[in-house]
N, C-alpha and C. Protein backbone atom coordinates (compact mmCIF):
# COMPACT_ATOMS: atom_id res chain seq x y z
N UNK A 1 0.79 -0.91 -0.11
CA UNK A 1 0.10 0.12 0.03
C UNK A 1 0.89 1.29 0.10
N UNK A 2 0.22 2.48 -0.99
CA UNK A 2 1.26 3.32 -0.68
C UNK A 2 1.44 4.22 0.18
N UNK A 3 2.24 4.84 0.77
CA UNK A 3 2.51 5.69 2.08
C UNK A 3 1.95 6.91 1.69
N UNK A 4 1.03 7.40 2.73
CA UNK A 4 0.52 9.13 2.25
C UNK A 4 1.68 9.73 2.85
N UNK A 5 1.62 10.57 2.32
CA UNK A 5 2.55 12.13 2.34
C UNK A 5 1.81 13.35 2.09
N UNK A 6 2.20 14.22 3.14
CA UNK A 6 1.50 15.09 4.04
C UNK A 6 1.57 15.96 2.78
N UNK A 7 0.66 16.98 2.25
CA UNK A 7 0.90 18.02 0.83
C UNK A 7 2.27 18.79 1.46
N UNK A 8 2.02 19.26 2.71
CA UNK A 8 3.44 20.29 2.88
C UNK A 8 4.69 19.54 2.46
N UNK A 9 4.82 18.57 2.81
CA UNK A 9 6.11 17.85 2.52
C UNK A 9 6.07 17.32 1.11
N UNK A 10 5.25 17.49 -0.12
CA UNK A 10 4.91 17.12 -1.10
C UNK A 10 5.02 18.41 -1.98
N UNK A 11 4.46 19.59 -1.20
CA UNK A 11 5.05 21.08 -2.11
C UNK A 11 6.51 21.24 -1.68
N UNK A 12 7.61 21.00 -0.33
CA UNK A 12 8.43 21.32 -0.13
C UNK A 12 9.35 20.42 -1.22
N UNK A 13 9.25 19.02 -1.32
CA UNK A 13 10.05 18.49 -2.12
C UNK A 13 9.77 19.34 -3.48
N UNK A 14 8.87 19.53 -4.45
CA UNK A 14 8.32 20.18 -5.57
C UNK A 14 9.07 20.99 -5.50
N UNK A 15 9.02 22.12 -4.51
CA UNK A 15 9.73 23.31 -4.78
C UNK A 15 11.46 23.34 -4.47
N UNK A 16 11.93 22.14 -3.70
CA UNK A 16 13.19 22.05 -4.12
C UNK A 16 13.44 21.56 -5.34
N UNK A 17 12.96 20.58 -6.01
CA UNK A 17 13.24 19.99 -7.35
C UNK A 17 13.24 21.19 -7.91
N UNK A 18 11.99 22.42 -8.25
CA UNK A 18 11.77 23.49 -9.03
C UNK A 18 13.08 24.36 -8.65
N UNK A 19 14.17 24.50 -7.77
CA UNK A 19 14.80 25.41 -7.43
C UNK A 19 16.23 24.78 -7.80
N UNK A 20 15.92 23.89 -8.31
CA UNK A 20 17.45 23.29 -9.16
C UNK A 20 18.14 22.22 -8.51
N UNK A 21 17.09 21.33 -7.23
CA UNK A 21 18.01 20.17 -6.36
C UNK A 21 17.68 18.99 -7.24
N UNK A 22 18.65 17.83 -7.30
CA UNK A 22 18.54 17.12 -8.19
C UNK A 22 17.19 15.93 -7.56
N UNK A 23 15.92 14.92 -8.26
CA UNK A 23 15.58 14.35 -7.62
C UNK A 23 15.60 13.37 -6.36
N UNK A 24 17.15 12.82 -6.83
CA UNK A 24 17.22 11.62 -5.85
C UNK A 24 17.98 12.44 -4.55
N UNK A 25 18.13 13.46 -4.81
CA UNK A 25 18.81 14.57 -3.40
C UNK A 25 16.92 14.68 -2.59
N UNK A 26 16.68 15.49 -2.92
CA UNK A 26 15.23 15.55 -2.83
C UNK A 26 14.55 14.66 -1.90
N UNK A 27 14.68 13.07 -2.67
CA UNK A 27 13.88 12.20 -1.61
C UNK A 27 14.49 11.65 -0.77
N UNK A 28 15.93 11.82 -0.42
CA UNK A 28 16.72 11.37 0.44
C UNK A 28 16.50 12.44 1.19
N UNK A 29 16.15 13.87 1.04
CA UNK A 29 15.97 15.00 2.36
C UNK A 29 14.50 14.67 2.51
N UNK A 30 14.13 14.36 2.04
CA UNK A 30 12.23 14.68 2.26
C UNK A 30 11.46 13.44 2.96
N UNK A 31 12.60 11.87 2.55
CA UNK A 31 12.11 10.79 2.70
C UNK A 31 11.37 9.79 2.12
N UNK A 32 11.39 10.43 1.17
CA UNK A 32 10.35 9.84 -0.01
C UNK A 32 10.79 9.54 -1.81
N UNK A 33 10.17 8.77 -2.04
CA UNK A 33 10.77 8.06 -3.49
C UNK A 33 10.98 8.86 -4.29
N UNK A 34 12.16 8.68 -5.11
CA UNK A 34 12.48 9.22 -6.36
C UNK A 34 11.27 9.16 -7.18
N UNK A 35 10.56 8.25 -7.45
CA UNK A 35 9.35 7.65 -8.13
C UNK A 35 8.27 8.25 -7.96
N UNK A 36 8.13 8.53 -6.68
CA UNK A 36 6.82 9.41 -6.24
C UNK A 36 6.74 10.89 -6.27
N UNK A 37 8.45 11.58 -6.68
CA UNK A 37 8.49 12.96 -7.00
C UNK A 37 8.36 12.92 -8.89
N UNK A 38 9.13 11.80 -9.30
CA UNK A 38 8.82 11.57 -10.80
C UNK A 38 7.09 12.14 -11.28
N UNK A 39 6.20 11.27 -10.39
CA UNK A 39 4.97 10.95 -10.32
C UNK A 39 4.26 12.78 -10.03
N UNK A 40 4.60 12.99 -9.50
CA UNK A 40 4.18 14.55 -9.28
C UNK A 40 4.59 15.29 -9.93
N UNK A 41 5.94 15.38 -10.24
CA UNK A 41 6.25 16.26 -11.32
C UNK A 41 5.36 15.97 -12.87
N UNK A 42 5.39 15.16 -13.00
CA UNK A 42 4.29 14.75 -14.57
C UNK A 42 3.13 15.40 -13.99
N UNK A 43 2.13 15.12 -13.09
CA UNK A 43 1.53 15.81 -13.02
C UNK A 43 1.14 17.01 -12.59
N UNK A 44 1.92 17.77 -12.87
CA UNK A 44 2.52 19.19 -12.93
C UNK A 44 2.83 19.78 -14.00
N UNK A 45 2.83 19.07 -14.93
CA UNK A 45 3.02 19.54 -16.33
C UNK A 45 2.06 20.54 -16.33
N UNK A 46 2.40 21.62 -17.32
CA UNK A 46 1.97 22.58 -17.53
C UNK A 46 1.12 22.16 -19.09
N UNK A 47 0.21 23.47 -19.98
CA UNK A 47 -0.33 23.12 -20.86
C UNK A 47 0.68 23.09 -21.90
N UNK A 48 2.08 23.29 -21.87
CA UNK A 48 3.05 23.32 -23.25
C UNK A 48 3.50 22.23 -22.98
N UNK A 49 3.27 21.34 -22.38
CA UNK A 49 3.96 19.65 -22.11
C UNK A 49 5.42 19.86 -21.22
N UNK A 50 5.72 21.57 -20.84
CA UNK A 50 7.16 21.40 -19.98
C UNK A 50 6.95 21.11 -18.63
N UNK A 51 7.76 20.00 -18.25
CA UNK A 51 7.29 19.43 -16.69
C UNK A 51 8.45 20.56 -15.72
N UNK A 52 7.82 20.29 -14.36
CA UNK A 52 8.40 21.07 -13.32
C UNK A 52 10.10 20.37 -13.94
N UNK A 53 9.95 19.24 -13.91
CA UNK A 53 11.65 18.91 -13.62
C UNK A 53 12.90 19.19 -14.97
N UNK A 54 12.00 19.32 -15.69
CA UNK A 54 12.78 20.02 -17.26
C UNK A 54 12.95 21.06 -17.09
N UNK A 55 12.03 22.11 -16.61
CA UNK A 55 12.04 23.44 -16.12
C UNK A 55 13.52 23.76 -15.38
N UNK A 56 14.05 22.40 -14.34
CA UNK A 56 14.25 22.67 -13.33
C UNK A 56 15.72 22.26 -13.77
N UNK A 57 15.91 21.17 -14.73
CA UNK A 57 17.02 20.59 -15.09
C UNK A 57 17.96 22.01 -16.08
N UNK A 58 16.57 22.56 -16.77
CA UNK A 58 17.54 23.68 -17.59
C UNK A 58 17.59 24.58 -17.00
N UNK A 59 17.53 25.22 -15.92
CA UNK A 59 17.65 26.16 -15.05
C UNK A 59 19.44 26.10 -14.61
N UNK A 60 19.43 24.48 -14.03
CA UNK A 60 20.21 24.07 -13.47
C UNK A 60 21.72 24.12 -14.63
N UNK A 61 21.44 24.09 -15.82
CA UNK A 61 22.09 23.65 -16.70
C UNK A 61 22.62 24.86 -16.71
N UNK A 62 21.61 26.14 -17.16
CA UNK A 62 21.92 27.49 -17.60
C UNK A 62 23.00 28.32 -16.85
N UNK A 63 22.56 27.98 -15.45
CA UNK A 63 23.66 28.17 -14.05
C UNK A 63 24.88 27.66 -14.52
N UNK A 64 25.22 26.41 -14.96
CA UNK A 64 26.31 26.28 -15.04
C UNK A 64 27.26 27.08 -15.98
N UNK A 65 25.86 26.77 -17.44
CA UNK A 65 27.30 27.77 -18.83
C UNK A 65 27.49 29.10 -18.18
N UNK A 66 26.51 29.77 -17.66
CA UNK A 66 26.84 31.13 -16.96
C UNK A 66 28.48 31.45 -16.23
N UNK A 67 28.33 30.12 -15.36
CA UNK A 67 29.24 29.87 -14.50
C UNK A 67 30.63 29.79 -15.11
N UNK A 68 30.67 28.97 -16.57
CA UNK A 68 31.66 28.54 -17.35
C UNK A 68 32.06 29.95 -18.41
N UNK A 69 30.98 30.54 -18.97
CA UNK A 69 31.19 31.61 -19.49
C UNK A 69 31.93 32.82 -18.59
N UNK A 70 31.68 32.72 -17.31
CA UNK A 70 32.29 33.72 -16.51
C UNK A 70 33.63 33.40 -16.15
N UNK A 71 33.79 32.07 -16.28
CA UNK A 71 35.71 31.69 -16.17
C UNK A 71 35.99 31.93 -17.30
N UNK A 72 35.26 32.01 -18.57
CA UNK A 72 36.00 32.23 -20.42
C UNK A 72 36.54 33.47 -19.56
N UNK A 73 35.37 34.38 -19.56
CA UNK A 73 35.94 36.22 -19.56
C UNK A 73 36.94 36.27 -18.92
N UNK A 74 36.81 35.29 -17.08
CA UNK A 74 37.50 35.92 -16.37
C UNK A 74 39.45 35.66 -17.26
N UNK A 75 39.43 34.38 -17.43
CA UNK A 75 40.56 33.87 -18.24
C UNK A 75 40.98 34.74 -19.40
N UNK A 76 40.16 35.34 -20.38
CA UNK A 76 40.22 36.08 -21.32
C UNK A 76 40.74 37.14 -21.23
N UNK A 77 40.72 38.08 -19.88
CA UNK A 77 41.18 39.19 -19.30
C UNK A 77 42.28 39.26 -18.76
N UNK A 78 42.34 38.03 -18.50
CA UNK A 78 43.91 37.87 -17.89
C UNK A 78 45.07 37.76 -18.97
N UNK A 79 44.46 36.93 -19.75
CA UNK A 79 45.64 36.69 -20.80
C UNK A 79 45.71 38.50 -21.51
N UNK A 80 44.69 39.05 -21.64
CA UNK A 80 44.70 40.24 -22.20
C UNK A 80 46.09 41.42 -21.58
N UNK A 81 45.75 40.96 -19.92
CA UNK A 81 46.39 41.55 -19.30
C UNK A 81 47.93 41.33 -19.73
N UNK A 82 47.96 40.18 -19.22
CA UNK A 82 49.72 39.69 -19.62
C UNK A 82 49.87 40.00 -21.12
N UNK A 83 49.56 39.94 -21.75
CA UNK A 83 49.55 40.47 -22.95
C UNK A 83 50.54 41.99 -23.29
N UNK A 84 49.56 42.97 -22.65
CA UNK A 84 49.80 44.24 -22.46
C UNK A 84 50.84 44.62 -21.41
N UNK A 85 51.00 43.79 -20.61
CA UNK A 85 52.06 44.10 -19.83
C UNK A 85 53.79 43.34 -20.06
N UNK A 86 53.46 42.41 -21.14
CA UNK A 86 55.25 41.87 -21.96
C UNK A 86 55.51 42.78 -22.40
């Protein structure tokens, strides 16, 4: 029989995932199964067919890409500074 999950816990789990936490991490943190989270996310899919999980993954990827761009910009700036100083 399925364990009943309190709505407050369910909302906290979904909020964590929407904010970029991995499903597996949220499952451990809140004591629920990853499968349950995936079912909740699927049920929450909006009219465009984009699920909260997809949005969270895209946000996480976007953040990682922004960090990489920042690192490359910093490297470029340092290289330009070293070239001018030589």
